[in-house]
Amino acid sequence: MRKILEKIPYSMLVPAALLLGLAPFVPQPHLFEKIGMLFVGELRRLVDIFDLVMHASPAVVLAVKWLIEQRGS
């Protein structure tokens, strides 16, 4: 997994995390909406769970890549 993450440049990962994490920009980003639904126990439908995973995945990959690089240094 480390080799795969090393091949993904930050210049591609950061914009993807920002765009998917904040889209749609108005009225509220889906990622914030779905995390709110998760905390209050309303995240039950499969489409909502998929939406949370899709919008959060670039940010998770970015965080994992950064953590692996920090531990390796």
PDB file of N, CA and C in Angstrom:
ATOM      1  N   MET A   1       0.821  -1.187   0.000  1.00  0.00           N
ATOM      2  CA  MET A   1       0.000   0.000   0.000  1.00  0.00           C
ATOM      3  C   MET A   1       0.871   1.259   0.000  1.00  0.00           C
ATOM      4  N   ARG A   2       1.995   1.175   0.681  1.00  0.00           N
ATOM      5  CA  ARG A   2       2.892   2.321   0.747  1.00  0.00           C
ATOM      6  C   ARG A   2       3.365   2.734  -0.640  1.00  0.00           C
ATOM      7  N   LYS A   3       3.682   1.762  -1.482  1.00  0.00           N
ATOM      8  CA  LYS A   3       4.162   2.077  -2.831  1.00  0.00           C
ATOM      9  C   LYS A   3       3.079   2.747  -3.667  1.00  0.00           C
ATOM     10  N   ILE A   4       1.858   2.306  -3.487  1.00  0.00           N
ATOM     11  CA  ILE A   4       0.749   2.925  -4.217  1.00  0.00           C
ATOM     12  C   ILE A   4       0.573   4.377  -3.771  1.00  0.00           C
ATOM     13  N   LEU A   5       0.621   4.609  -2.462  1.00  0.00           N
ATOM     14  CA  LEU A   5       0.461   5.969  -1.956  1.00  0.00           C
ATOM     15  C   LEU A   5       1.613   6.870  -2.373  1.00  0.00           C
ATOM     16  N   GLU A   6       2.809   6.316  -2.481  1.00  0.00           N
ATOM     17  CA  GLU A   6       3.958   7.116  -2.909  1.00  0.00           C
ATOM     18  C   GLU A   6       3.799   7.596  -4.345  1.00  0.00           C
ATOM     19  N   LYS A   7       3.080   6.837  -5.159  1.00  0.00           N
ATOM     20  CA  LYS A   7       2.898   7.202  -6.566  1.00  0.00           C
ATOM     21  C   LYS A   7       1.850   8.300  -6.760  1.00  0.00           C
ATOM     22  N   ILE A   8       0.996   8.507  -5.775  1.00  0.00           N
ATOM     23  CA  ILE A   8      -0.048   9.529  -5.894  1.00  0.00           C
ATOM     24  C   ILE A   8       0.531  10.862  -5.421  1.00  0.00           C
ATOM     25  N   PRO A   9       0.629  11.847  -6.316  1.00  0.00           N
ATOM     26  CA  PRO A   9       1.212  13.133  -5.912  1.00  0.00           C
ATOM     27  C   PRO A   9       0.229  13.966  -5.078  1.00  0.00           C
ATOM     28  N   TYR A  10       0.800  14.749  -4.177  1.00  0.00           N
ATOM     29  CA  TYR A  10      -0.027  15.657  -3.385  1.00  0.00           C
ATOM     30  C   TYR A  10      -0.764  16.653  -4.273  1.00  0.00           C
ATOM     31  N   SER A  11      -0.149  17.015  -5.391  1.00  0.00           N
ATOM     32  CA  SER A  11      -0.771  17.991  -6.291  1.00  0.00           C
ATOM     33  C   SER A  11      -2.079  17.473  -6.886  1.00  0.00           C
ATOM     34  N   MET A  12      -2.288  16.185  -6.856  1.00  0.00           N
ATOM     35  CA  MET A  12      -3.544  15.609  -7.325  1.00  0.00           C
ATOM     36  C   MET A  12      -4.472  15.296  -6.145  1.00  0.00           C
ATOM     37  N   LEU A  13      -3.889  14.909  -5.031  1.00  0.00           N
ATOM     38  CA  LEU A  13      -4.667  14.463  -3.881  1.00  0.00           C
ATOM     39  C   LEU A  13      -5.335  15.618  -3.133  1.00  0.00           C
ATOM     40  N   VAL A  14      -4.621  16.710  -2.949  1.00  0.00           N
ATOM     41  CA  VAL A  14      -5.178  17.848  -2.204  1.00  0.00           C
ATOM     42  C   VAL A  14      -6.387  18.454  -2.921  1.00  0.00           C
ATOM     43  N   PRO A  15      -6.294  18.763  -4.224  1.00  0.00           N
ATOM     44  CA  PRO A  15      -7.498  19.288  -4.894  1.00  0.00           C
ATOM     45  C   PRO A  15      -8.667  18.300  -4.894  1.00  0.00           C
ATOM     46  N   ALA A  16      -8.373  17.017  -5.048  1.00  0.00           N
ATOM     47  CA  ALA A  16      -9.449  16.016  -5.028  1.00  0.00           C
ATOM     48  C   ALA A  16     -10.126  15.988  -3.664  1.00  0.00           C
ATOM     49  N   ALA A  17      -9.331  16.047  -2.597  1.00  0.00           N
ATOM     50  CA  ALA A  17      -9.895  16.040  -1.246  1.00  0.00           C
ATOM     51  C   ALA A  17     -10.737  17.288  -1.001  1.00  0.00           C
ATOM     52  N   LEU A  18     -10.251  18.429  -1.470  1.00  0.00           N
ATOM     53  CA  LEU A  18     -11.011  19.671  -1.286  1.00  0.00           C
ATOM     54  C   LEU A  18     -12.284  19.688  -2.121  1.00  0.00           C
ATOM     55  N   LEU A  19     -12.169  19.317  -3.390  1.00  0.00           N
ATOM     56  CA  LEU A  19     -13.340  19.374  -4.268  1.00  0.00           C
ATOM     57  C   LEU A  19     -14.418  18.375  -3.862  1.00  0.00           C
ATOM     58  N   LEU A  20     -14.026  17.133  -3.615  1.00  0.00           N
ATOM     59  CA  LEU A  20     -15.040  16.141  -3.236  1.00  0.00           C
ATOM     60  C   LEU A  20     -15.525  16.350  -1.811  1.00  0.00           C
ATOM     61  N   GLY A  21     -14.640  16.824  -0.943  1.00  0.00           N
ATOM     62  CA  GLY A  21     -15.046  17.058   0.440  1.00  0.00           C
ATOM     63  C   GLY A  21     -16.005  18.221   0.596  1.00  0.00           C
ATOM     64  N   LEU A  22     -15.864  19.218  -0.263  1.00  0.00           N
ATOM     65  CA  LEU A  22     -16.693  20.414  -0.134  1.00  0.00           C
ATOM     66  C   LEU A  22     -17.839  20.487  -1.136  1.00  0.00           C
ATOM     67  N   ALA A  23     -17.901  19.577  -2.090  1.00  0.00           N
ATOM     68  CA  ALA A  23     -18.966  19.610  -3.100  1.00  0.00           C
ATOM     69  C   ALA A  23     -20.252  19.022  -2.532  1.00  0.00           C
ATOM     70  N   PRO A  24     -21.401  19.471  -2.875  1.00  0.00           N
ATOM     71  CA  PRO A  24     -21.708  20.757  -3.486  1.00  0.00           C
ATOM     72  C   PRO A  24     -21.483  21.867  -2.466  1.00  0.00           C
ATOM     73  N   PHE A  25     -21.063  22.995  -2.934  1.00  0.00           N
ATOM     74  CA  PHE A  25     -20.654  24.081  -2.051  1.00  0.00           C
ATOM     75  C   PHE A  25     -21.830  24.778  -1.366  1.00  0.00           C
ATOM     76  N   VAL A  26     -22.990  24.762  -2.004  1.00  0.00           N
ATOM     77  CA  VAL A  26     -24.165  25.447  -1.460  1.00  0.00           C
ATOM     78  C   VAL A  26     -25.307  24.450  -1.400  1.00  0.00           C
ATOM     79  N   PRO A  27     -26.114  24.336  -0.415  1.00  0.00           N
ATOM     80  CA  PRO A  27     -26.154  25.113   0.809  1.00  0.00           C
ATOM     81  C   PRO A  27     -25.186  24.603   1.872  1.00  0.00           C
ATOM     82  N   GLN A  28     -24.883  23.302   1.856  1.00  0.00           N
ATOM     83  CA  GLN A  28     -23.950  22.727   2.824  1.00  0.00           C
ATOM     84  C   GLN A  28     -23.208  21.588   2.133  1.00  0.00           C
ATOM     85  N   PRO A  29     -21.893  21.497   2.319  1.00  0.00           N
ATOM     86  CA  PRO A  29     -21.154  20.390   1.697  1.00  0.00           C
ATOM     87  C   PRO A  29     -21.671  19.030   2.167  1.00  0.00           C
ATOM     88  N   HIS A  30     -21.728  18.077   1.239  1.00  0.00           N
ATOM     89  CA  HIS A  30     -22.233  16.738   1.560  1.00  0.00           C
ATOM     90  C   HIS A  30     -21.446  16.090   2.690  1.00  0.00           C
ATOM     91  N   LEU A  31     -20.145  16.271   2.696  1.00  0.00           N
ATOM     92  CA  LEU A  31     -19.322  15.628   3.724  1.00  0.00           C
ATOM     93  C   LEU A  31     -19.743  16.094   5.114  1.00  0.00           C
ATOM     94  N   PHE A  32     -19.943  17.387   5.299  1.00  0.00           N
ATOM     95  CA  PHE A  32     -20.376  17.904   6.602  1.00  0.00           C
ATOM     96  C   PHE A  32     -21.783  17.426   6.936  1.00  0.00           C
ATOM     97  N   GLU A  33     -22.645  17.398   5.932  1.00  0.00           N
ATOM     98  CA  GLU A  33     -24.016  16.939   6.134  1.00  0.00           C
ATOM     99  C   GLU A  33     -24.042  15.472   6.559  1.00  0.00           C
ATOM    100  N   LYS A  34     -23.271  14.635   5.874  1.00  0.00           N
ATOM    101  CA  LYS A  34     -23.278  13.198   6.172  1.00  0.00           C
ATOM    102  C   LYS A  34     -22.613  12.902   7.513  1.00  0.00           C
ATOM    103  N   ILE A  35     -21.568  13.640   7.868  1.00  0.00           N
ATOM    104  CA  ILE A  35     -20.944  13.447   9.184  1.00  0.00           C
ATOM    105  C   ILE A  35     -21.925  13.848  10.281  1.00  0.00           C
ATOM    106  N   GLY A  36     -22.661  14.926  10.055  1.00  0.00           N
ATOM    107  CA  GLY A  36     -23.699  15.323  11.009  1.00  0.00           C
ATOM    108  C   GLY A  36     -24.767  14.255  11.155  1.00  0.00           C
ATOM    109  N   MET A  37     -25.174  13.677  10.037  1.00  0.00           N
ATOM    110  CA  MET A  37     -26.155  12.591  10.073  1.00  0.00           C
ATOM    111  C   MET A  37     -25.607  11.386  10.827  1.00  0.00           C
ATOM    112  N   LEU A  38     -24.326  11.106  10.663  1.00  0.00           N
ATOM    113  CA  LEU A  38     -23.695   9.981  11.350  1.00  0.00           C
ATOM    114  C   LEU A  38     -23.730  10.182  12.864  1.00  0.00           C
ATOM    115  N   PHE A  39     -23.421  11.397  13.318  1.00  0.00           N
ATOM    116  CA  PHE A  39     -23.376  11.666  14.755  1.00  0.00           C
ATOM    117  C   PHE A  39     -24.748  11.643  15.414  1.00  0.00           C
ATOM    118  N   VAL A  40     -25.790  12.007  14.683  1.00  0.00           N
ATOM    119  CA  VAL A  40     -27.127  11.986  15.288  1.00  0.00           C
ATOM    120  C   VAL A  40     -27.871  10.682  15.013  1.00  0.00           C
ATOM    121  N   GLY A  41     -27.238   9.760  14.314  1.00  0.00           N
ATOM    122  CA  GLY A  41     -27.836   8.448  14.087  1.00  0.00           C
ATOM    123  C   GLY A  41     -28.810   8.378  12.931  1.00  0.00           C
ATOM    124  N   GLU A  42     -28.740   9.309  12.000  1.00  0.00           N
ATOM    125  CA  GLU A  42     -29.657   9.325  10.861  1.00  0.00           C
ATOM    126  C   GLU A  42     -29.047   8.749   9.590  1.00  0.00           C
ATOM    127  N   LEU A  43     -27.837   8.284   9.646  1.00  0.00           N
ATOM    128  CA  LEU A  43     -27.158   7.754   8.455  1.00  0.00           C
ATOM    129  C   LEU A  43     -27.515   6.273   8.321  1.00  0.00           C
ATOM    130  N   ARG A  44     -28.672   5.993   7.728  1.00  0.00           N
ATOM    131  CA  ARG A  44     -29.175   4.627   7.648  1.00  0.00           C
ATOM    132  C   ARG A  44     -29.278   4.100   6.224  1.00  0.00           C
ATOM    133  N   ARG A  45     -29.591   4.987   5.291  1.00  0.00           N
ATOM    134  CA  ARG A  45     -29.788   4.534   3.913  1.00  0.00           C
ATOM    135  C   ARG A  45     -28.452   4.234   3.259  1.00  0.00           C
ATOM    136  N   LEU A  46     -28.431   3.221   2.423  1.00  0.00           N
ATOM    137  CA  LEU A  46     -27.213   2.802   1.745  1.00  0.00           C
ATOM    138  C   LEU A  46     -26.647   3.911   0.863  1.00  0.00           C
ATOM    139  N   VAL A  47     -27.513   4.666   0.224  1.00  0.00           N
ATOM    140  CA  VAL A  47     -27.041   5.749  -0.647  1.00  0.00           C
ATOM    141  C   VAL A  47     -26.337   6.831   0.173  1.00  0.00           C
ATOM    142  N   ASP A  48     -26.791   7.091   1.387  1.00  0.00           N
ATOM    143  CA  ASP A  48     -26.139   8.077   2.247  1.00  0.00           C
ATOM    144  C   ASP A  48     -24.776   7.582   2.722  1.00  0.00           C
ATOM    145  N   ILE A  49     -24.689   6.298   3.045  1.00  0.00           N
ATOM    146  CA  ILE A  49     -23.413   5.716   3.466  1.00  0.00           C
ATOM    147  C   ILE A  49     -22.421   5.752   2.314  1.00  0.00           C
ATOM    148  N   PHE A  50     -22.877   5.392   1.116  1.00  0.00           N
ATOM    149  CA  PHE A  50     -22.015   5.458  -0.065  1.00  0.00           C
ATOM    150  C   PHE A  50     -21.553   6.888  -0.317  1.00  0.00           C
ATOM    151  N   ASP A  51     -22.455   7.838  -0.169  1.00  0.00           N
ATOM    152  CA  ASP A  51     -22.128   9.246  -0.376  1.00  0.00           C
ATOM    153  C   ASP A  51     -21.058   9.710   0.616  1.00  0.00           C
ATOM    154  N   LEU A  52     -21.175   9.298   1.866  1.00  0.00           N
ATOM    155  CA  LEU A  52     -20.165   9.642   2.872  1.00  0.00           C
ATOM    156  C   LEU A  52     -18.814   9.062   2.501  1.00  0.00           C
ATOM    157  N   VAL A  53     -18.795   7.797   2.105  1.00  0.00           N
ATOM    158  CA  VAL A  53     -17.535   7.146   1.724  1.00  0.00           C
ATOM    159  C   VAL A  53     -16.929   7.824   0.501  1.00  0.00           C
ATOM    160  N   MET A  54     -17.749   8.137  -0.488  1.00  0.00           N
ATOM    161  CA  MET A  54     -17.241   8.758  -1.713  1.00  0.00           C
ATOM    162  C   MET A  54     -16.658  10.140  -1.444  1.00  0.00           C
ATOM    163  N   HIS A  55     -17.347  10.939  -0.658  1.00  0.00           N
ATOM    164  CA  HIS A  55     -16.882  12.301  -0.410  1.00  0.00           C
ATOM    165  C   HIS A  55     -15.710  12.342   0.565  1.00  0.00           C
ATOM    166  N   ALA A  56     -15.585  11.348   1.439  1.00  0.00           N
ATOM    167  CA  ALA A  56     -14.507  11.350   2.433  1.00  0.00           C
ATOM    168  C   ALA A  56     -13.256  10.609   1.974  1.00  0.00           C
ATOM    169  N   SER A  57     -13.359   9.747   0.980  1.00  0.00           N
ATOM    170  CA  SER A  57     -12.225   8.896   0.613  1.00  0.00           C
ATOM    171  C   SER A  57     -10.966   9.657   0.198  1.00  0.00           C
ATOM    172  N   PRO A  58     -11.026  10.728  -0.601  1.00  0.00           N
ATOM    173  CA  PRO A  58      -9.774  11.428  -0.916  1.00  0.00           C
ATOM    174  C   PRO A  58      -9.111  12.036   0.319  1.00  0.00           C
ATOM    175  N   ALA A  59      -9.901  12.549   1.252  1.00  0.00           N
ATOM    176  CA  ALA A  59      -9.340  13.114   2.479  1.00  0.00           C
ATOM    177  C   ALA A  59      -8.705  12.025   3.337  1.00  0.00           C
ATOM    178  N   VAL A  60      -9.317  10.855   3.376  1.00  0.00           N
ATOM    179  CA  VAL A  60      -8.753   9.736   4.139  1.00  0.00           C
ATOM    180  C   VAL A  60      -7.444   9.274   3.509  1.00  0.00           C
ATOM    181  N   VAL A  61      -7.415   9.158   2.191  1.00  0.00           N
ATOM    182  CA  VAL A  61      -6.181   8.763   1.495  1.00  0.00           C
ATOM    183  C   VAL A  61      -5.092   9.802   1.737  1.00  0.00           C
ATOM    184  N   LEU A  62      -5.443  11.074   1.680  1.00  0.00           N
ATOM    185  CA  LEU A  62      -4.482  12.145   1.943  1.00  0.00           C
ATOM    186  C   LEU A  62      -3.929  12.043   3.362  1.00  0.00           C
ATOM    187  N   ALA A  63      -4.779  11.814   4.334  1.00  0.00           N
ATOM    188  CA  ALA A  63      -4.343  11.690   5.725  1.00  0.00           C
ATOM    189  C   ALA A  63      -3.449  10.475   5.924  1.00  0.00           C
ATOM    190  N   VAL A  64      -3.811   9.352   5.328  1.00  0.00           N
ATOM    191  CA  VAL A  64      -2.999   8.136   5.458  1.00  0.00           C
ATOM    192  C   VAL A  64      -1.640   8.334   4.808  1.00  0.00           C
ATOM    193  N   LYS A  65      -1.606   8.947   3.638  1.00  0.00           N
ATOM    194  CA  LYS A  65      -0.338   9.215   2.947  1.00  0.00           C
ATOM    195  C   LYS A  65       0.552  10.099   3.806  1.00  0.00           C
ATOM    196  N   TRP A  66      -0.011  11.162   4.364  1.00  0.00           N
ATOM    197  CA  TRP A  66       0.763  12.084   5.188  1.00  0.00           C
ATOM    198  C   TRP A  66       1.273  11.391   6.454  1.00  0.00           C
ATOM    199  N   LEU A  67       0.422  10.582   7.105  1.00  0.00           N
ATOM    200  CA  LEU A  67       0.840   9.878   8.323  1.00  0.00           C
ATOM    201  C   LEU A  67       1.951   8.874   8.046  1.00  0.00           C
ATOM    202  N   ILE A  68       1.846   8.148   6.949  1.00  0.00           N
ATOM    203  CA  ILE A  68       2.887   7.183   6.595  1.00  0.00           C
ATOM    204  C   ILE A  68       4.204   7.897   6.340  1.00  0.00           C
ATOM    205  N   GLU A  69       4.150   9.027   5.651  1.00  0.00           N
ATOM    206  CA  GLU A  69       5.376   9.781   5.382  1.00  0.00           C
ATOM    207  C   GLU A  69       5.970  10.355   6.662  1.00  0.00           C
ATOM    208  N   GLN A  70       5.128  10.774   7.599  1.00  0.00           N
ATOM    209  CA  GLN A  70       5.630  11.325   8.858  1.00  0.00           C
ATOM    210  C   GLN A  70       6.281  10.250   9.721  1.00  0.00           C
ATOM    211  N   ARG A  71       5.722   9.076   9.735  1.00  0.00           N
ATOM    212  CA  ARG A  71       6.300   7.973  10.515  1.00  0.00           C
ATOM    213  C   ARG A  71       7.579   7.447   9.890  1.00  0.00           C
ATOM    214  N   GLY A  72       7.672   7.552   8.572  1.00  0.00           N
ATOM    215  CA  GLY A  72       8.859   7.068   7.871  1.00  0.00           C
ATOM    216  C   GLY A  72      10.052   7.988   8.021  1.00  0.00           C
ATOM    217  N   SER A  73       9.805   9.243   8.363  1.00  0.00           N
ATOM    218  CA  SER A  73      10.898  10.222   8.476  1.00  0.00           C
ATOM    219  C   SER A  73      11.638  10.099   9.781  1.00  0.00           C
TER     220      SER A  73
END
